[in-house]
């Protein structure tokens, strides 16, 4: 039997906060270089589906999404939107999407 003050399960908010803390790049240096450059798989959304606007980190994940969610539409790799190229070209002074800086100043 557990005590009255102790929750038996984790809350959805707590789990979401842990996932966010584990997957968001808050640091700089060499560890976050791949995320900031947008060239490697950093877990951040780089590609967008032209049909439903869902995002994926790489082309293979987008292909898997397309085959499962849009089976009647033929897969065309050249129609996939590269968000990093679109947003960086629009404004080069802002950081790339999906990368948040540190709260410590």
N, C-alpha and C. Protein backbone atom coordinates (compact mmCIF):
# COMPACT_ATOMS: atom_id res chain seq x y z
N UNK A 1 0.83 -1.18 0.00
CA UNK A 1 0.00 0.00 0.00
C UNK A 1 0.87 1.25 0.00
N UNK A 2 0.50 2.19 -0.81
CA UNK A 2 1.27 3.42 -0.88
C UNK A 2 0.66 4.47 0.04
N UNK A 3 1.45 5.47 0.37
CA UNK A 3 0.96 6.56 1.21
C UNK A 3 -0.01 7.45 0.46
N UNK A 4 -0.74 8.26 1.19
CA UNK A 4 -1.74 9.13 0.57
C UNK A 4 -1.11 10.23 -0.27
N UNK A 5 0.04 10.70 0.13
CA UNK A 5 0.65 11.83 -0.56
C UNK A 5 1.44 11.41 -1.80
N UNK A 6 1.75 10.15 -1.92
CA UNK A 6 2.56 9.71 -3.06
C UNK A 6 1.65 9.31 -4.22
N UNK A 7 1.88 9.88 -5.39
CA UNK A 7 1.09 9.45 -6.55
C UNK A 7 1.52 8.06 -7.01
N UNK A 8 0.58 7.27 -7.46
CA UNK A 8 0.88 5.91 -7.89
C UNK A 8 1.50 5.88 -9.28
N UNK A 9 1.15 6.86 -10.12
CA UNK A 9 1.62 6.89 -11.50
C UNK A 9 2.17 8.27 -11.84
N UNK A 10 2.95 8.31 -12.89
CA UNK A 10 3.43 9.60 -13.38
C UNK A 10 2.31 10.30 -14.13
N UNK A 11 2.29 11.61 -14.03
CA UNK A 11 1.28 12.36 -14.76
C UNK A 11 1.73 12.57 -16.20
N UNK A 12 0.79 12.84 -17.08
CA UNK A 12 1.11 13.07 -18.49
C UNK A 12 1.99 14.30 -18.65
N UNK A 13 1.75 15.32 -17.82
CA UNK A 13 2.55 16.54 -17.89
C UNK A 13 4.00 16.26 -17.51
N UNK A 14 4.21 15.45 -16.50
CA UNK A 14 5.55 15.10 -16.05
C UNK A 14 6.30 14.30 -17.12
N UNK A 15 5.62 13.35 -17.73
CA UNK A 15 6.24 12.55 -18.78
C UNK A 15 6.58 13.41 -19.99
N UNK A 16 5.67 14.31 -20.37
CA UNK A 16 5.93 15.21 -21.50
C UNK A 16 7.11 16.12 -21.22
N UNK A 17 7.25 16.58 -19.97
CA UNK A 17 8.38 17.44 -19.61
C UNK A 17 9.69 16.67 -19.69
N UNK A 18 9.68 15.40 -19.28
CA UNK A 18 10.89 14.58 -19.36
C UNK A 18 11.29 14.31 -20.81
N UNK A 19 10.31 14.06 -21.66
CA UNK A 19 10.59 13.84 -23.08
C UNK A 19 11.15 15.10 -23.71
N UNK A 20 10.56 16.25 -23.38
CA UNK A 20 11.03 17.53 -23.92
C UNK A 20 12.46 17.81 -23.47
N UNK A 21 12.74 17.57 -22.20
CA UNK A 21 14.09 17.81 -21.68
C UNK A 21 15.12 16.89 -22.33
N UNK A 22 14.71 15.67 -22.67
CA UNK A 22 15.64 14.71 -23.26
C UNK A 22 15.89 14.98 -24.74
N UNK A 23 14.93 15.55 -25.45
CA UNK A 23 15.06 15.69 -26.90
C UNK A 23 15.35 17.11 -27.37
N UNK A 24 15.30 18.10 -26.50
CA UNK A 24 15.56 19.48 -26.91
C UNK A 24 17.02 19.83 -26.67
N UNK A 25 17.66 20.37 -27.68
CA UNK A 25 19.05 20.78 -27.57
C UNK A 25 19.09 22.14 -26.88
N UNK A 26 19.62 22.18 -25.67
CA UNK A 26 19.71 23.45 -24.94
C UNK A 26 21.14 23.95 -24.84
N UNK A 27 22.06 23.15 -25.28
CA UNK A 27 23.46 23.53 -25.11
C UNK A 27 24.12 23.90 -26.42
N UNK A 28 25.34 24.31 -26.30
CA UNK A 28 26.12 24.65 -27.49
C UNK A 28 27.30 23.72 -27.58
N UNK A 29 28.37 24.22 -28.19
CA UNK A 29 29.59 23.44 -28.29
C UNK A 29 29.51 22.35 -29.33
N UNK A 30 30.41 21.39 -29.23
CA UNK A 30 30.48 20.32 -30.22
C UNK A 30 29.31 19.37 -30.14
N UNK A 31 28.73 19.20 -28.95
CA UNK A 31 27.63 18.26 -28.79
C UNK A 31 26.40 18.70 -29.59
N UNK A 32 26.15 19.99 -29.69
CA UNK A 32 24.98 20.48 -30.40
C UNK A 32 25.27 20.97 -31.80
N UNK A 33 26.49 20.77 -32.30
CA UNK A 33 26.86 21.27 -33.61
C UNK A 33 26.03 20.63 -34.72
N UNK A 34 25.80 19.33 -34.64
CA UNK A 34 25.02 18.64 -35.68
C UNK A 34 23.58 19.13 -35.68
N UNK A 35 23.01 19.38 -34.51
CA UNK A 35 21.64 19.88 -34.44
C UNK A 35 21.53 21.28 -35.02
N UNK A 36 22.48 22.12 -34.70
CA UNK A 36 22.41 23.50 -35.18
C UNK A 36 22.63 23.61 -36.68
N UNK A 37 23.47 22.72 -37.22
CA UNK A 37 23.74 22.80 -38.65
C UNK A 37 22.59 22.24 -39.47
N UNK A 38 21.82 21.32 -38.90
CA UNK A 38 20.68 20.75 -39.61
C UNK A 38 21.06 19.69 -40.63
N UNK A 39 22.32 19.26 -40.65
CA UNK A 39 22.77 18.29 -41.63
C UNK A 39 22.61 16.86 -41.14
N UNK A 40 22.76 16.63 -39.86
CA UNK A 40 22.70 15.28 -39.31
C UNK A 40 21.31 15.00 -38.75
N UNK A 41 21.10 13.74 -38.37
CA UNK A 41 19.86 13.39 -37.68
C UNK A 41 19.98 13.86 -36.24
N UNK A 42 19.28 14.91 -35.91
CA UNK A 42 19.33 15.41 -34.55
C UNK A 42 18.02 15.19 -33.83
N UNK A 43 17.07 14.54 -34.48
CA UNK A 43 15.78 14.36 -33.89
C UNK A 43 14.85 15.54 -34.12
N UNK A 44 15.32 16.53 -34.86
CA UNK A 44 14.51 17.71 -35.13
C UNK A 44 13.88 17.61 -36.51
N UNK A 45 12.73 18.19 -36.63
CA UNK A 45 11.97 18.12 -37.88
C UNK A 45 12.69 18.88 -38.97
N UNK A 46 12.99 18.20 -40.05
CA UNK A 46 13.64 18.84 -41.18
C UNK A 46 12.77 18.78 -42.43
N UNK A 47 12.01 17.72 -42.61
CA UNK A 47 11.19 17.54 -43.80
C UNK A 47 9.71 17.59 -43.46
N UNK A 48 8.91 18.10 -44.40
CA UNK A 48 7.47 18.23 -44.19
C UNK A 48 6.73 17.55 -45.32
N UNK A 49 5.69 16.78 -44.96
CA UNK A 49 4.87 16.09 -45.95
C UNK A 49 4.02 17.12 -46.70
N UNK A 50 4.02 17.08 -48.03
CA UNK A 50 3.24 18.06 -48.79
C UNK A 50 1.73 17.84 -48.71
N UNK A 51 1.31 16.67 -48.24
CA UNK A 51 -0.12 16.35 -48.21
C UNK A 51 -0.76 16.70 -46.87
N UNK A 52 -0.12 16.31 -45.77
CA UNK A 52 -0.74 16.51 -44.45
C UNK A 52 0.06 17.43 -43.54
N UNK A 53 1.21 17.92 -43.99
CA UNK A 53 2.06 18.87 -43.26
C UNK A 53 2.68 18.30 -41.99
N UNK A 54 2.76 16.98 -41.86
CA UNK A 54 3.44 16.39 -40.72
C UNK A 54 4.94 16.44 -40.99
N UNK A 55 5.76 16.51 -39.94
CA UNK A 55 7.20 16.65 -40.12
C UNK A 55 7.93 15.36 -39.74
N UNK A 56 9.13 15.21 -40.32
CA UNK A 56 9.97 14.04 -40.05
C UNK A 56 11.43 14.48 -40.08
N UNK A 57 12.30 13.80 -39.32
CA UNK A 57 13.70 14.22 -39.26
C UNK A 57 14.53 13.85 -40.49
N UNK A 58 14.13 12.82 -41.25
CA UNK A 58 14.92 12.44 -42.42
C UNK A 58 14.02 11.90 -43.53
N UNK A 59 14.62 11.67 -44.69
CA UNK A 59 13.86 11.26 -45.88
C UNK A 59 13.28 9.85 -45.71
N UNK A 60 14.02 8.96 -45.08
CA UNK A 60 13.55 7.59 -44.89
C UNK A 60 12.30 7.57 -44.00
N UNK A 61 12.29 8.36 -42.94
CA UNK A 61 11.11 8.44 -42.08
C UNK A 61 9.92 9.02 -42.83
N UNK A 62 10.19 9.99 -43.70
CA UNK A 62 9.12 10.58 -44.49
C UNK A 62 8.57 9.56 -45.49
N UNK A 63 9.43 8.73 -46.05
CA UNK A 63 8.98 7.69 -46.97
C UNK A 63 8.10 6.67 -46.25
N UNK A 64 8.49 6.28 -45.05
CA UNK A 64 7.69 5.34 -44.26
C UNK A 64 6.34 5.95 -43.93
N UNK A 65 6.34 7.23 -43.54
CA UNK A 65 5.08 7.93 -43.25
C UNK A 65 4.18 7.95 -44.49
N UNK A 66 4.77 8.27 -45.63
CA UNK A 66 3.99 8.40 -46.87
C UNK A 66 3.37 7.07 -47.27
N UNK A 67 4.13 5.99 -47.16
CA UNK A 67 3.62 4.66 -47.54
C UNK A 67 2.50 4.20 -46.61
N UNK A 68 2.55 4.60 -45.35
CA UNK A 68 1.51 4.14 -44.42
C UNK A 68 0.28 5.05 -44.41
N UNK A 69 0.47 6.36 -44.58
CA UNK A 69 -0.66 7.29 -44.47
C UNK A 69 -1.26 7.71 -45.81
N UNK A 70 -0.47 7.67 -46.88
CA UNK A 70 -0.96 8.08 -48.20
C UNK A 70 -0.67 6.99 -49.23
N UNK A 71 -1.22 5.79 -49.07
CA UNK A 71 -0.86 4.69 -49.97
C UNK A 71 -1.35 4.86 -51.41
N UNK A 72 -2.40 5.63 -51.62
CA UNK A 72 -2.94 5.78 -52.98
C UNK A 72 -2.19 6.83 -53.79
N UNK A 73 -1.46 7.71 -53.12
CA UNK A 73 -0.70 8.76 -53.81
C UNK A 73 0.72 8.25 -54.04
N UNK A 74 1.26 8.35 -55.25
CA UNK A 74 2.63 7.88 -55.48
C UNK A 74 3.65 8.76 -54.74
N UNK A 75 4.68 8.11 -54.20
CA UNK A 75 5.71 8.80 -53.44
C UNK A 75 6.68 9.50 -54.39
N UNK A 76 6.83 10.81 -54.23
CA UNK A 76 7.77 11.59 -55.03
C UNK A 76 8.67 12.36 -54.07
N UNK A 77 9.94 11.98 -54.05
CA UNK A 77 10.88 12.57 -53.10
C UNK A 77 11.13 14.05 -53.35
N UNK A 78 11.02 14.49 -54.60
CA UNK A 78 11.30 15.89 -54.91
C UNK A 78 10.21 16.85 -54.43
N UNK A 79 9.03 16.34 -54.06
CA UNK A 79 7.95 17.20 -53.58
C UNK A 79 8.00 17.44 -52.07
N UNK A 80 8.88 16.73 -51.36
CA UNK A 80 9.01 16.90 -49.91
C UNK A 80 9.66 18.26 -49.63
N UNK A 81 9.11 18.98 -48.67
CA UNK A 81 9.58 20.32 -48.33
C UNK A 81 10.70 20.21 -47.29
N UNK A 82 11.85 20.81 -47.57
CA UNK A 82 12.96 20.87 -46.63
C UNK A 82 12.81 22.15 -45.81
N UNK A 83 12.38 22.03 -44.56
CA UNK A 83 12.09 23.20 -43.73
C UNK A 83 13.33 24.01 -43.40
N UNK A 84 14.46 23.36 -43.22
CA UNK A 84 15.68 24.10 -42.89
C UNK A 84 16.09 25.01 -44.05
N UNK A 85 15.98 24.52 -45.27
CA UNK A 85 16.36 25.34 -46.43
C UNK A 85 15.40 26.50 -46.63
N UNK A 86 14.11 26.24 -46.41
CA UNK A 86 13.10 27.29 -46.62
C UNK A 86 13.23 28.39 -45.58
N UNK A 87 13.37 28.01 -44.31
CA UNK A 87 13.41 29.01 -43.24
C UNK A 87 14.74 29.74 -43.16
N UNK A 88 15.84 29.07 -43.47
CA UNK A 88 17.14 29.72 -43.43
C UNK A 88 17.25 30.72 -44.57
N UNK A 89 16.70 30.37 -45.73
CA UNK A 89 16.75 31.30 -46.86
C UNK A 89 15.90 32.53 -46.58
N UNK A 90 14.81 32.38 -45.84
CA UNK A 90 13.93 33.50 -45.54
C UNK A 90 14.62 34.50 -44.61
N UNK A 91 15.30 34.01 -43.58
CA UNK A 91 15.96 34.90 -42.64
C UNK A 91 17.19 34.19 -42.07
N UNK A 92 18.36 34.57 -42.52
CA UNK A 92 19.59 33.89 -42.13
C UNK A 92 20.04 34.25 -40.72
N UNK A 93 19.51 35.34 -40.13
CA UNK A 93 19.96 35.75 -38.81
C UNK A 93 19.32 34.95 -37.68
N UNK A 94 18.18 34.33 -37.92
CA UNK A 94 17.50 33.55 -36.88
C UNK A 94 18.07 32.14 -36.83
N UNK A 95 17.99 31.47 -35.65
CA UNK A 95 18.47 30.09 -35.58
C UNK A 95 17.57 29.14 -36.36
N UNK A 96 18.10 27.97 -36.65
CA UNK A 96 17.36 26.99 -37.43
C UNK A 96 16.22 26.41 -36.60
N UNK A 97 15.18 25.86 -37.23
CA UNK A 97 14.03 25.36 -36.49
C UNK A 97 14.38 24.17 -35.61
N UNK A 98 13.72 24.09 -34.47
CA UNK A 98 13.90 22.96 -33.58
C UNK A 98 15.05 23.10 -32.60
N UNK A 99 15.81 24.19 -32.65
CA UNK A 99 16.94 24.36 -31.76
C UNK A 99 16.64 25.52 -30.83
N UNK A 100 16.63 25.24 -29.54
CA UNK A 100 16.36 26.27 -28.55
C UNK A 100 17.61 26.46 -27.72
N UNK A 101 17.95 27.67 -27.44
CA UNK A 101 19.14 27.97 -26.68
C UNK A 101 18.97 27.70 -25.20
N UNK A 102 19.99 27.97 -24.44
CA UNK A 102 19.99 27.72 -23.01
C UNK A 102 19.19 28.78 -22.28
N UNK A 103 18.61 28.40 -21.15
CA UNK A 103 17.93 29.36 -20.30
C UNK A 103 18.95 30.13 -19.43
N UNK A 104 20.12 29.54 -19.25
CA UNK A 104 21.15 30.17 -18.43
C UNK A 104 21.82 31.27 -19.23
N UNK A 105 21.82 32.45 -18.73
CA UNK A 105 22.45 33.58 -19.43
C UNK A 105 23.57 34.16 -18.61
